[in-house]
Amino acid sequence: RSLVDHDRVPEDVLIQVLTQSRQDLISKSFDSLDG
């Protein structure tokens, strides 16, 4: 969240997060990257 909220990710860089195939874990992964 700090990477997103503080605009620390350059426009030409893709950050990636890992999640197991479970609905609650996937949703939380999206929340971490919201915005």
PDB file of all heavy atoms in Angstrom:
ATOM      1  N   ARG A   1       0.839  -1.209   0.000  1.00  0.00           N
ATOM      2  CA  ARG A   1       0.000   0.000   0.000  1.00  0.00           C
ATOM      3  C   ARG A   1       0.868   1.250   0.000  1.00  0.00           C
ATOM      4  O   ARG A   1       0.535   2.242  -0.663  1.00  0.00           O
ATOM      5  CB  ARG A   1      -0.898   0.023   1.245  1.00  0.00           C
ATOM      6  CG  ARG A   1      -2.122  -0.843   1.199  1.00  0.00           C
ATOM      7  CD  ARG A   1      -3.109  -0.559   0.093  1.00  0.00           C
ATOM      8  NE  ARG A   1      -3.225   0.821  -0.329  1.00  0.00           N
ATOM      9  CZ  ARG A   1      -3.675   1.194  -1.518  1.00  0.00           C
ATOM     10  NH1 ARG A   1      -4.023   0.285  -2.426  1.00  0.00           N
ATOM     11  NH2 ARG A   1      -3.789   2.458  -1.830  1.00  0.00           N
ATOM     12  N   SER A   2       1.997   1.217   0.715  1.00  0.00           N
ATOM     13  CA  SER A   2       2.850   2.404   0.763  1.00  0.00           C
ATOM     14  C   SER A   2       3.447   2.716  -0.609  1.00  0.00           C
ATOM     15  O   SER A   2       3.621   3.895  -0.962  1.00  0.00           O
ATOM     16  CB  SER A   2       3.979   2.205   1.790  1.00  0.00           C
ATOM     17  OG  SER A   2       4.947   1.280   1.330  1.00  0.00           O
ATOM     18  N   LEU A   3       3.751   1.685  -1.383  1.00  0.00           N
ATOM     19  CA  LEU A   3       4.249   1.924  -2.742  1.00  0.00           C
ATOM     20  C   LEU A   3       3.199   2.646  -3.583  1.00  0.00           C
ATOM     21  O   LEU A   3       3.518   3.557  -4.364  1.00  0.00           O
ATOM     22  CB  LEU A   3       4.625   0.599  -3.407  1.00  0.00           C
ATOM     23  CG  LEU A   3       5.817  -0.168  -2.840  1.00  0.00           C
ATOM     24  CD1 LEU A   3       5.989  -1.497  -3.583  1.00  0.00           C
ATOM     25  CD2 LEU A   3       7.101   0.654  -2.939  1.00  0.00           C
ATOM     26  N   VAL A   4       1.958   2.234  -3.409  1.00  0.00           N
ATOM     27  CA  VAL A   4       0.873   2.838  -4.187  1.00  0.00           C
ATOM     28  C   VAL A   4       0.543   4.236  -3.664  1.00  0.00           C
ATOM     29  O   VAL A   4       0.482   5.206  -4.426  1.00  0.00           O
ATOM     30  CB  VAL A   4      -0.376   1.939  -4.132  1.00  0.00           C
ATOM     31  CG1 VAL A   4      -1.521   2.584  -4.923  1.00  0.00           C
ATOM     32  CG2 VAL A   4      -0.068   0.549  -4.686  1.00  0.00           C
ATOM     33  N   ASP A   5       0.334   4.355  -2.358  1.00  0.00           N
ATOM     34  CA  ASP A   5      -0.106   5.619  -1.769  1.00  0.00           C
ATOM     35  C   ASP A   5       0.929   6.727  -1.903  1.00  0.00           C
ATOM     36  O   ASP A   5       0.564   7.910  -1.991  1.00  0.00           O
ATOM     37  CB  ASP A   5      -0.438   5.417  -0.289  1.00  0.00           C
ATOM     38  CG  ASP A   5      -1.656   4.523  -0.090  1.00  0.00           C
ATOM     39  OD1 ASP A   5      -2.461   4.412  -1.040  1.00  0.00           O
ATOM     40  OD2 ASP A   5      -1.781   3.919   0.996  1.00  0.00           O
ATOM     41  N   HIS A   6       2.203   6.370  -1.918  1.00  0.00           N
ATOM     42  CA  HIS A   6       3.258   7.376  -2.030  1.00  0.00           C
ATOM     43  C   HIS A   6       3.811   7.492  -3.451  1.00  0.00           C
ATOM     44  O   HIS A   6       4.863   8.100  -3.661  1.00  0.00           O
ATOM     45  CB  HIS A   6       4.393   7.069  -1.050  1.00  0.00           C
ATOM     46  CG  HIS A   6       3.982   7.178   0.390  1.00  0.00           C
ATOM     47  ND1 HIS A   6       3.515   6.092   1.111  1.00  0.00           N
ATOM     48  CD2 HIS A   6       3.923   8.242   1.237  1.00  0.00           C
ATOM     49  CE1 HIS A   6       3.223   6.476   2.355  1.00  0.00           C
ATOM     50  NE2 HIS A   6       3.456   7.780   2.450  1.00  0.00           N
ATOM     51  N   ASP A   7       3.092   6.902  -4.395  1.00  0.00           N
ATOM     52  CA  ASP A   7       3.434   7.016  -5.818  1.00  0.00           C
ATOM     53  C   ASP A   7       4.905   6.647  -6.059  1.00  0.00           C
ATOM     54  O   ASP A   7       5.634   7.349  -6.746  1.00  0.00           O
ATOM     55  CB  ASP A   7       3.156   8.447  -6.302  1.00  0.00           C
ATOM     56  CG  ASP A   7       3.060   8.534  -7.819  1.00  0.00           C
ATOM     57  OD1 ASP A   7       2.762   7.496  -8.442  1.00  0.00           O
ATOM     58  OD2 ASP A   7       3.301   9.622  -8.368  1.00  0.00           O
ATOM     59  N   ARG A   8       5.313   5.512  -5.483  1.00  0.00           N
ATOM     60  CA  ARG A   8       6.710   5.098  -5.563  1.00  0.00           C
ATOM     61  C   ARG A   8       7.006   4.220  -6.773  1.00  0.00           C
ATOM     62  O   ARG A   8       8.154   3.861  -7.012  1.00  0.00           O
ATOM     63  CB  ARG A   8       7.076   4.323  -4.290  1.00  0.00           C
ATOM     64  CG  ARG A   8       6.957   5.132  -3.017  1.00  0.00           C
ATOM     65  CD  ARG A   8       8.315   5.493  -2.447  1.00  0.00           C
ATOM     66  NE  ARG A   8       9.045   4.331  -2.007  1.00  0.00           N
ATOM     67  CZ  ARG A   8      10.222   3.933  -2.489  1.00  0.00           C
ATOM     68  NH1 ARG A   8      10.796   4.596  -3.477  1.00  0.00           N
ATOM     69  NH2 ARG A   8      10.836   2.868  -2.010  1.00  0.00           N
ATOM     70  N   VAL A   9       5.982   3.859  -7.526  1.00  0.00           N
ATOM     71  CA  VAL A   9       6.186   2.946  -8.644  1.00  0.00           C
ATOM     72  C   VAL A   9       6.264   3.740  -9.945  1.00  0.00           C
ATOM     73  O   VAL A   9       5.290   4.394 -10.329  1.00  0.00           O
ATOM     74  CB  VAL A   9       5.044   1.915  -8.735  1.00  0.00           C
ATOM     75  CG1 VAL A   9       5.327   0.920  -9.862  1.00  0.00           C
ATOM     76  CG2 VAL A   9       4.865   1.186  -7.403  1.00  0.00           C
ATOM     77  N   PRO A  10       7.401   3.731 -10.626  1.00  0.00           N
ATOM     78  CA  PRO A  10       7.510   4.463 -11.898  1.00  0.00           C
ATOM     79  C   PRO A  10       6.486   3.968 -12.920  1.00  0.00           C
ATOM     80  O   PRO A  10       6.043   2.814 -12.862  1.00  0.00           O
ATOM     81  CB  PRO A  10       8.947   4.161 -12.352  1.00  0.00           C
ATOM     82  CG  PRO A  10       9.681   3.792 -11.098  1.00  0.00           C
ATOM     83  CD  PRO A  10       8.673   3.088 -10.238  1.00  0.00           C
ATOM     84  N   GLU A  11       6.127   4.842 -13.847  1.00  0.00           N
ATOM     85  CA  GLU A  11       5.113   4.505 -14.844  1.00  0.00           C
ATOM     86  C   GLU A  11       5.512   3.313 -15.712  1.00  0.00           C
ATOM     87  O   GLU A  11       4.646   2.590 -16.204  1.00  0.00           O
ATOM     88  CB  GLU A  11       4.839   5.727 -15.739  1.00  0.00           C
ATOM     89  CG  GLU A  11       4.058   6.835 -15.060  1.00  0.00           C
ATOM     90  CD  GLU A  11       2.621   6.436 -14.753  1.00  0.00           C
ATOM     91  OE1 GLU A  11       2.028   5.718 -15.576  1.00  0.00           O
ATOM     92  OE2 GLU A  11       2.104   6.844 -13.692  1.00  0.00           O
ATOM     93  N   ASP A  12       6.821   3.122 -15.903  1.00  0.00           N
ATOM     94  CA  ASP A  12       7.262   2.039 -16.785  1.00  0.00           C
ATOM     95  C   ASP A  12       7.571   0.756 -16.018  1.00  0.00           C
ATOM     96  O   ASP A  12       8.155  -0.182 -16.573  1.00  0.00           O
ATOM     97  CB  ASP A  12       8.480   2.460 -17.599  1.00  0.00           C
ATOM     98  CG  ASP A  12       9.683   2.786 -16.732  1.00  0.00           C
ATOM     99  OD1 ASP A  12       9.506   3.003 -15.515  1.00  0.00           O
ATOM    100  OD2 ASP A  12      10.815   2.828 -17.277  1.00  0.00           O
ATOM    101  N   VAL A  13       7.199   0.692 -14.742  1.00  0.00           N
ATOM    102  CA  VAL A  13       7.462  -0.485 -13.917  1.00  0.00           C
ATOM    103  C   VAL A  13       6.133  -1.116 -13.507  1.00  0.00           C
ATOM    104  O   VAL A  13       5.208  -0.433 -13.070  1.00  0.00           O
ATOM    105  CB  VAL A  13       8.284  -0.122 -12.665  1.00  0.00           C
ATOM    106  CG1 VAL A  13       8.372  -1.308 -11.705  1.00  0.00           C
ATOM    107  CG2 VAL A  13       9.679   0.340 -13.073  1.00  0.00           C
ATOM    108  N   LEU A  14       6.045  -2.433 -13.650  1.00  0.00           N
ATOM    109  CA  LEU A  14       4.882  -3.192 -13.206  1.00  0.00           C
ATOM    110  C   LEU A  14       5.234  -3.908 -11.911  1.00  0.00           C
ATOM    111  O   LEU A  14       6.196  -4.682 -11.865  1.00  0.00           O
ATOM    112  CB  LEU A  14       4.492  -4.237 -14.254  1.00  0.00           C
ATOM    113  CG  LEU A  14       3.684  -3.772 -15.461  1.00  0.00           C
ATOM    114  CD1 LEU A  14       3.615  -4.898 -16.489  1.00  0.00           C
ATOM    115  CD2 LEU A  14       2.270  -3.363 -15.042  1.00  0.00           C
ATOM    116  N   ILE A  15       4.464  -3.645 -10.853  1.00  0.00           N
ATOM    117  CA  ILE A  15       4.643  -4.443  -9.660  1.00  0.00           C
ATOM    118  C   ILE A  15       3.651  -5.600  -9.684  1.00  0.00           C
ATOM    119  O   ILE A  15       2.591  -5.515 -10.314  1.00  0.00           O
ATOM    120  CB  ILE A  15       4.511  -3.619  -8.360  1.00  0.00           C
ATOM    121  CG1 ILE A  15       3.143  -2.961  -8.239  1.00  0.00           C
ATOM    122  CG2 ILE A  15       5.624  -2.597  -8.266  1.00  0.00           C
ATOM    123  CD1 ILE A  15       2.920  -2.280  -6.882  1.00  0.00           C
ATOM    124  N   GLN A  16       4.037  -6.670  -9.017  1.00  0.00           N
ATOM    125  CA  GLN A  16       3.255  -7.902  -9.062  1.00  0.00           C
ATOM    126  C   GLN A  16       3.078  -8.422  -7.647  1.00  0.00           C
ATOM    127  O   GLN A  16       3.978  -8.309  -6.811  1.00  0.00           O
ATOM    128  CB  GLN A  16       4.013  -8.930  -9.910  1.00  0.00           C
ATOM    129  CG  GLN A  16       3.419 -10.323  -9.925  1.00  0.00           C
ATOM    130  CD  GLN A  16       4.149 -11.227 -10.899  1.00  0.00           C
ATOM    131  OE1 GLN A  16       4.266 -10.914 -12.092  1.00  0.00           O
ATOM    132  NE2 GLN A  16       4.659 -12.354 -10.416  1.00  0.00           N
ATOM    133  N   VAL A  17       1.896  -8.989  -7.356  1.00  0.00           N
ATOM    134  CA  VAL A  17       1.658  -9.625  -6.066  1.00  0.00           C
ATOM    135  C   VAL A  17       1.199 -11.055  -6.294  1.00  0.00           C
ATOM    136  O   VAL A  17       0.609 -11.374  -7.325  1.00  0.00           O
ATOM    137  CB  VAL A  17       0.628  -8.856  -5.216  1.00  0.00           C
ATOM    138  CG1 VAL A  17       1.117  -7.459  -4.911  1.00  0.00           C
ATOM    139  CG2 VAL A  17      -0.736  -8.826  -5.899  1.00  0.00           C
ATOM    140  N   LEU A  18       1.490 -11.896  -5.318  1.00  0.00           N
ATOM    141  CA  LEU A  18       1.172 -13.318  -5.416  1.00  0.00           C
ATOM    142  C   LEU A  18      -0.015 -13.655  -4.516  1.00  0.00           C
ATOM    143  O   LEU A  18      -0.129 -13.129  -3.407  1.00  0.00           O
ATOM    144  CB  LEU A  18       2.379 -14.146  -4.987  1.00  0.00           C
ATOM    145  CG  LEU A  18       2.224 -15.675  -5.029  1.00  0.00           C
ATOM    146  CD1 LEU A  18       2.163 -16.157  -6.471  1.00  0.00           C
ATOM    147  CD2 LEU A  18       3.387 -16.350  -4.299  1.00  0.00           C
ATOM    148  N   THR A  19      -0.868 -14.545  -4.997  1.00  0.00           N
ATOM    149  CA  THR A  19      -2.003 -14.988  -4.186  1.00  0.00           C
ATOM    150  C   THR A  19      -2.349 -16.436  -4.501  1.00  0.00           C
ATOM    151  O   THR A  19      -2.260 -16.883  -5.643  1.00  0.00           O
ATOM    152  CB  THR A  19      -3.243 -14.106  -4.411  1.00  0.00           C
ATOM    153  OG1 THR A  19      -4.321 -14.606  -3.614  1.00  0.00           O
ATOM    154  CG2 THR A  19      -3.650 -14.063  -5.876  1.00  0.00           C
ATOM    155  N   GLN A  20      -2.743 -17.159  -3.481  1.00  0.00           N
ATOM    156  CA  GLN A  20      -3.311 -18.480  -3.689  1.00  0.00           C
ATOM    157  C   GLN A  20      -4.701 -18.334  -4.315  1.00  0.00           C
ATOM    158  O   GLN A  20      -5.305 -17.263  -4.279  1.00  0.00           O
ATOM    159  CB  GLN A  20      -3.414 -19.225  -2.362  1.00  0.00           C
ATOM    160  CG  GLN A  20      -2.073 -19.583  -1.747  1.00  0.00           C
ATOM    161  CD  GLN A  20      -2.222 -20.085  -0.325  1.00  0.00           C
ATOM    162  OE1 GLN A  20      -2.797 -19.406   0.522  1.00  0.00           O
ATOM    163  NE2 GLN A  20      -1.707 -21.278  -0.065  1.00  0.00           N
ATOM    164  N   SER A  21      -5.192 -19.410  -4.851  1.00  0.00           N
ATOM    165  CA  SER A  21      -6.485 -19.378  -5.543  1.00  0.00           C
ATOM    166  C   SER A  21      -7.635 -19.543  -4.552  1.00  0.00           C
ATOM    167  O   SER A  21      -8.318 -20.563  -4.522  1.00  0.00           O
ATOM    168  CB  SER A  21      -6.544 -20.473  -6.614  1.00  0.00           C
ATOM    169  OG  SER A  21      -7.696 -20.323  -7.409  1.00  0.00           O
ATOM    170  N   ARG A  22      -7.807 -18.495  -3.739  1.00  0.00           N
ATOM    171  CA  ARG A  22      -8.930 -18.419  -2.796  1.00  0.00           C
ATOM    172  C   ARG A  22      -9.539 -17.032  -2.891  1.00  0.00           C
ATOM    173  O   ARG A  22      -8.807 -16.031  -2.969  1.00  0.00           O
ATOM    174  CB  ARG A  22      -8.457 -18.668  -1.361  1.00  0.00           C
ATOM    175  CG  ARG A  22      -8.263 -20.115  -1.009  1.00  0.00           C
ATOM    176  CD  ARG A  22      -7.678 -20.291   0.388  1.00  0.00           C
ATOM    177  NE  ARG A  22      -8.204 -19.330   1.352  1.00  0.00           N
ATOM    178  CZ  ARG A  22      -7.690 -19.190   2.584  1.00  0.00           C
ATOM    179  NH1 ARG A  22      -6.677 -19.938   2.971  1.00  0.00           N
ATOM    180  NH2 ARG A  22      -8.203 -18.298   3.413  1.00  0.00           N
ATOM    181  N   GLN A  23     -10.864 -16.954  -2.865  1.00  0.00           N
ATOM    182  CA  GLN A  23     -11.538 -15.678  -3.115  1.00  0.00           C
ATOM    183  C   GLN A  23     -11.114 -14.591  -2.145  1.00  0.00           C
ATOM    184  O   GLN A  23     -10.851 -13.460  -2.543  1.00  0.00           O
ATOM    185  CB  GLN A  23     -13.061 -15.860  -3.056  1.00  0.00           C
ATOM    186  CG  GLN A  23     -13.806 -14.552  -3.335  1.00  0.00           C
ATOM    187  CD  GLN A  23     -15.273 -14.785  -3.659  1.00  0.00           C
ATOM    188  OE1 GLN A  23     -15.720 -15.916  -3.738  1.00  0.00           O
ATOM    189  NE2 GLN A  23     -16.022 -13.715  -3.857  1.00  0.00           N
ATOM    190  N   ASP A  24     -11.064 -14.912  -0.842  1.00  0.00           N
ATOM    191  CA  ASP A  24     -10.722 -13.873   0.137  1.00  0.00           C
ATOM    192  C   ASP A  24      -9.296 -13.369  -0.047  1.00  0.00           C
ATOM    193  O   ASP A  24      -9.020 -12.169   0.079  1.00  0.00           O
ATOM    194  CB  ASP A  24     -10.926 -14.397   1.557  1.00  0.00           C
ATOM    195  CG  ASP A  24     -10.105 -15.648   1.841  1.00  0.00           C
ATOM    196  OD1 ASP A  24      -9.868 -16.448   0.911  1.00  0.00           O
ATOM    197  OD2 ASP A  24      -9.697 -15.835   3.012  1.00  0.00           O
ATOM    198  N   LEU A  25      -8.375 -14.268  -0.384  1.00  0.00           N
ATOM    199  CA  LEU A  25      -6.975 -13.869  -0.568  1.00  0.00           C
ATOM    200  C   LEU A  25      -6.799 -13.053  -1.849  1.00  0.00           C
ATOM    201  O   LEU A  25      -6.017 -12.097  -1.898  1.00  0.00           O
ATOM    202  CB  LEU A  25      -6.073 -15.100  -0.589  1.00  0.00           C
ATOM    203  CG  LEU A  25      -6.165 -16.026   0.634  1.00  0.00           C
ATOM    204  CD1 LEU A  25      -5.154 -17.156   0.523  1.00  0.00           C
ATOM    205  CD2 LEU A  25      -5.953 -15.237   1.919  1.00  0.00           C
ATOM    206  N   ILE A  26      -7.551 -13.443  -2.885  1.00  0.00           N
ATOM    207  CA  ILE A  26      -7.477 -12.695  -4.141  1.00  0.00           C
ATOM    208  C   ILE A  26      -8.019 -11.284  -3.937  1.00  0.00           C
ATOM    209  O   ILE A  26      -7.424 -10.292  -4.391  1.00  0.00           O
ATOM    210  CB  ILE A  26      -8.247 -13.425  -5.254  1.00  0.00           C
ATOM    211  CG1 ILE A  26      -7.603 -14.793  -5.549  1.00  0.00           C
ATOM    212  CG2 ILE A  26      -8.287 -12.575  -6.524  1.00  0.00           C
ATOM    213  CD1 ILE A  26      -8.423 -15.675  -6.475  1.00  0.00           C
ATOM    214  N   SER A  27      -9.147 -11.167  -3.258  1.00  0.00           N
ATOM    215  CA  SER A  27      -9.744  -9.849  -3.013  1.00  0.00           C
ATOM    216  C   SER A  27      -8.786  -8.958  -2.225  1.00  0.00           C
ATOM    217  O   SER A  27      -8.647  -7.762  -2.519  1.00  0.00           O
ATOM    218  CB  SER A  27     -11.068 -10.016  -2.260  1.00  0.00           C
ATOM    219  OG  SER A  27     -12.001 -10.737  -3.035  1.00  0.00           O
ATOM    220  N   LYS A  28      -8.145  -9.533  -1.226  1.00  0.00           N
ATOM    221  CA  LYS A  28      -7.199  -8.741  -0.432  1.00  0.00           C
ATOM    222  C   LYS A  28      -6.019  -8.291  -1.283  1.00  0.00           C
ATOM    223  O   LYS A  28      -5.494  -7.187  -1.106  1.00  0.00           O
ATOM    224  CB  LYS A  28      -6.708  -9.549   0.770  1.00  0.00           C
ATOM    225  CG  LYS A  28      -5.898  -8.722   1.761  1.00  0.00           C
ATOM    226  CD  LYS A  28      -5.767  -9.424   3.093  1.00  0.00           C
ATOM    227  CE  LYS A  28      -5.126  -8.502   4.118  1.00  0.00           C
ATOM    228  NZ  LYS A  28      -5.059  -9.102   5.466  1.00  0.00           N
ATOM    229  N   SER A  29      -5.611  -9.118  -2.216  1.00  0.00           N
ATOM    230  CA  SER A  29      -4.507  -8.757  -3.108  1.00  0.00           C
ATOM    231  C   SER A  29      -4.885  -7.564  -3.975  1.00  0.00           C
ATOM    232  O   SER A  29      -4.081  -6.641  -4.177  1.00  0.00           O
ATOM    233  CB  SER A  29      -4.127  -9.956  -3.983  1.00  0.00           C
ATOM    234  OG  SER A  29      -3.684 -11.034  -3.185  1.00  0.00           O
ATOM    235  N   PHE A  30      -6.109  -7.553  -4.484  1.00  0.00           N
ATOM    236  CA  PHE A  30      -6.582  -6.397  -5.254  1.00  0.00           C
ATOM    237  C   PHE A  30      -6.641  -5.157  -4.368  1.00  0.00           C
ATOM    238  O   PHE A  30      -6.280  -4.054  -4.802  1.00  0.00           O
ATOM    239  CB  PHE A  30      -7.950  -6.687  -5.875  1.00  0.00           C
ATOM    240  CG  PHE A  30      -7.888  -7.386  -7.197  1.00  0.00           C
ATOM    241  CD1 PHE A  30      -7.929  -8.768  -7.271  1.00  0.00           C
ATOM    242  CD2 PHE A  30      -7.784  -6.658  -8.373  1.00  0.00           C
ATOM    243  CE1 PHE A  30      -7.873  -9.421  -8.499  1.00  0.00           C
ATOM    244  CE2 PHE A  30      -7.730  -7.293  -9.608  1.00  0.00           C
ATOM    245  CZ  PHE A  30      -7.764  -8.690  -9.669  1.00  0.00           C
ATOM    246  N   ASP A  31      -7.083  -5.321  -3.139  1.00  0.00           N
ATOM    247  CA  ASP A  31      -7.167  -4.175  -2.219  1.00  0.00           C
ATOM    248  C   ASP A  31      -5.788  -3.558  -1.985  1.00  0.00           C
ATOM    249  O   ASP A  31      -5.659  -2.335  -1.864  1.00  0.00           O
ATOM    250  CB  ASP A  31      -7.755  -4.614  -0.871  1.00  0.00           C
ATOM    251  CG  ASP A  31      -9.237  -4.955  -0.963  1.00  0.00           C
ATOM    252  OD1 ASP A  31      -9.882  -4.523  -1.939  1.00  0.00           O
ATOM    253  OD2 ASP A  31      -9.727  -5.653  -0.053  1.00  0.00           O
ATOM    254  N   SER A  32      -4.772  -4.412  -1.917  1.00  0.00           N
ATOM    255  CA  SER A  32      -3.421  -3.890  -1.662  1.00  0.00           C
ATOM    256  C   SER A  32      -2.926  -3.010  -2.804  1.00  0.00           C
ATOM    257  O   SER A  32      -2.060  -2.162  -2.603  1.00  0.00           O
ATOM    258  CB  SER A  32      -2.443  -5.051  -1.448  1.00  0.00           C
ATOM    259  OG  SER A  32      -2.155  -5.731  -2.661  1.00  0.00           O
ATOM    260  N   LEU A  33      -3.491  -3.203  -3.984  1.00  0.00           N
ATOM    261  CA  LEU A  33      -3.041  -2.464  -5.169  1.00  0.00           C
ATOM    262  C   LEU A  33      -4.055  -1.426  -5.647  1.00  0.00           C
ATOM    263  O   LEU A  33      -3.857  -0.805  -6.700  1.00  0.00           O
ATOM    264  CB  LEU A  33      -2.768  -3.450  -6.313  1.00  0.00           C
ATOM    265  CG  LEU A  33      -1.594  -4.420  -6.101  1.00  0.00           C
ATOM    266  CD1 LEU A  33      -1.625  -5.526  -7.147  1.00  0.00           C
ATOM    267  CD2 LEU A  33      -0.263  -3.686  -6.148  1.00  0.00           C
ATOM    268  N   ASP A  34      -5.098  -1.222  -4.910  1.00  0.00           N
ATOM    269  CA  ASP A  34      -6.170  -0.323  -5.341  1.00  0.00           C
ATOM    270  C   ASP A  34      -5.629   1.077  -5.618  1.00  0.00           C
ATOM    271  O   ASP A  34      -4.986   1.685  -4.763  1.00  0.00           O
ATOM    272  CB  ASP A  34      -7.250  -0.253  -4.258  1.00  0.00           C
ATOM    273  CG  ASP A  34      -8.510   0.412  -4.765  1.00  0.00           C
ATOM    274  OD1 ASP A  34      -8.915   0.140  -5.910  1.00  0.00           O
ATOM    275  OD2 ASP A  34      -9.089   1.226  -4.012  1.00  0.00           O
ATOM    276  N   GLY A  35      -5.841   1.571  -6.832  1.00  0.00           N
ATOM    277  CA  GLY A  35      -5.381   2.898  -7.212  1.00  0.00           C
ATOM    278  C   GLY A  35      -4.094   2.913  -8.008  1.00  0.00           C
ATOM    279  O   GLY A  35      -3.688   3.967  -8.501  1.00  0.00           O
TER     280      GLY A  35
END
